Every structure is written in C-alpha cells, then in structure tokens.
Amino acid sequence: MVLQYLFPALLGFVFVMVAAYAGTLRALDVFHDPDRESIFLPDDHEPPHQR
C-alpha cells in the first residue's frame, strides 16, 4: 500500500535530480567555453543605461 505512493514519488524525485544535474553540466560547459555566449558572464563592463 505504501509502495503505490512511494514509487511514483521516488521516480519524480529521480527525474528532477537528473534534470538538475544535466542543467548544471550544461551551464558549466557554457561557463568554461570561451567560444560560447554565456548568460552568466556578460562581456559589457559599462554601467547599465539609465532612463
């Protein structure tokens, strides 16, 4: 009886953890590759434009 709730929860948890791991690897790949654009490392060193 408990397995009918525990098994789907475990599958969901594993799915989310694998997706988070894959996203982290992708972000680190872009972060360390000088030829790719990274949202983490903007190249503009100027202050933002004020209105």
C-alpha atoms as a PDB file:
ATOM      1  CA  MET A   1       0.000   0.000   0.000  1.00  0.00           C
ATOM      2  CA  VAL A   2       2.800   2.413   0.849  1.00  0.00           C
ATOM      3  CA  LEU A   3       4.669   1.489  -2.354  1.00  0.00           C
ATOM      4  CA  GLN A   4       1.888   2.830  -4.547  1.00  0.00           C
ATOM      5  CA  TYR A   5       2.702   6.319  -3.206  1.00  0.00           C
ATOM      6  CA  LEU A   6       6.407   5.917  -2.582  1.00  0.00           C
ATOM      7  CA  PHE A   7       7.376   4.582  -6.008  1.00  0.00           C
ATOM      8  CA  PRO A   8       5.888   7.451  -8.088  1.00  0.00           C
ATOM      9  CA  ALA A   9       7.347   9.982  -5.655  1.00  0.00           C
ATOM     10  CA  LEU A  10      10.752   8.326  -5.988  1.00  0.00           C
ATOM     11  CA  LEU A  11      10.509   8.328  -9.778  1.00  0.00           C
ATOM     12  CA  GLY A  12       9.580  12.020  -9.774  1.00  0.00           C
ATOM     13  CA  PHE A  13      12.450  12.852  -7.442  1.00  0.00           C
ATOM     14  CA  VAL A  14      14.952  10.942  -9.602  1.00  0.00           C
ATOM     15  CA  PHE A  15      13.654  12.670 -12.746  1.00  0.00           C
ATOM     16  CA  VAL A  16      14.057  16.123 -11.187  1.00  0.00           C
ATOM     17  CA  MET A  17      17.526  15.321  -9.878  1.00  0.00           C
ATOM     18  CA  VAL A  18      18.703  14.038 -13.275  1.00  0.00           C
ATOM     19  CA  ALA A  19      17.313  17.150 -14.974  1.00  0.00           C
ATOM     20  CA  ALA A  20      19.041  19.407 -12.443  1.00  0.00           C
ATOM     21  CA  TYR A  21      22.310  17.535 -12.927  1.00  0.00           C
ATOM     22  CA  ALA A  22      22.072  17.814 -16.719  1.00  0.00           C
ATOM     23  CA  GLY A  23      21.276  21.522 -16.450  1.00  0.00           C
ATOM     24  CA  THR A  24      24.243  22.064 -14.176  1.00  0.00           C
ATOM     25  CA  LEU A  25      26.569  20.278 -16.579  1.00  0.00           C
ATOM     26  CA  ARG A  26      25.235  22.361 -19.469  1.00  0.00           C
ATOM     27  CA  ALA A  27      25.698  25.611 -17.537  1.00  0.00           C
ATOM     28  CA  LEU A  28      29.249  24.672 -16.575  1.00  0.00           C
ATOM     29  CA  ASP A  29      30.032  23.705 -20.167  1.00  0.00           C
ATOM     30  CA  VAL A  30      28.921  27.122 -21.412  1.00  0.00           C
ATOM     31  CA  PHE A  31      30.601  28.866 -18.468  1.00  0.00           C
ATOM     32  CA  HIS A  32      34.025  27.395 -19.253  1.00  0.00           C
ATOM     33  CA  ASP A  33      33.857  27.568 -23.072  1.00  0.00           C
ATOM     34  CA  PRO A  34      35.280  30.869 -24.375  1.00  0.00           C
ATOM     35  CA  ASP A  35      33.605  30.458 -27.785  1.00  0.00           C
ATOM     36  CA  ARG A  36      30.039  30.291 -26.484  1.00  0.00           C
ATOM     37  CA  GLU A  37      27.848  33.084 -25.235  1.00  0.00           C
ATOM     38  CA  SER A  38      27.099  32.740 -21.554  1.00  0.00           C
ATOM     39  CA  ILE A  39      24.295  34.403 -19.661  1.00  0.00           C
ATOM     40  CA  PHE A  40      26.495  34.089 -16.585  1.00  0.00           C
ATOM     41  CA  LEU A  41      29.408  36.129 -17.948  1.00  0.00           C
ATOM     42  CA  PRO A  42      28.245  39.224 -19.806  1.00  0.00           C
ATOM     43  CA  ASP A  43      31.052  40.976 -21.653  1.00  0.00           C
ATOM     44  CA  ASP A  44      29.876  44.531 -21.173  1.00  0.00           C
ATOM     45  CA  HIS A  45      31.718  46.261 -18.378  1.00  0.00           C
ATOM     46  CA  GLU A  46      29.810  49.517 -18.703  1.00  0.00           C
ATOM     47  CA  PRO A  47      27.161  50.509 -16.196  1.00  0.00           C
ATOM     48  CA  PRO A  48      23.584  49.924 -17.345  1.00  0.00           C
ATOM     49  CA  HIS A  49      21.909  52.740 -19.241  1.00  0.00           C
ATOM     50  CA  GLN A  50      19.709  54.900 -17.062  1.00  0.00           C
ATOM     51  CA  ARG A  51      16.484  56.429 -18.354  1.00  0.00           C
END
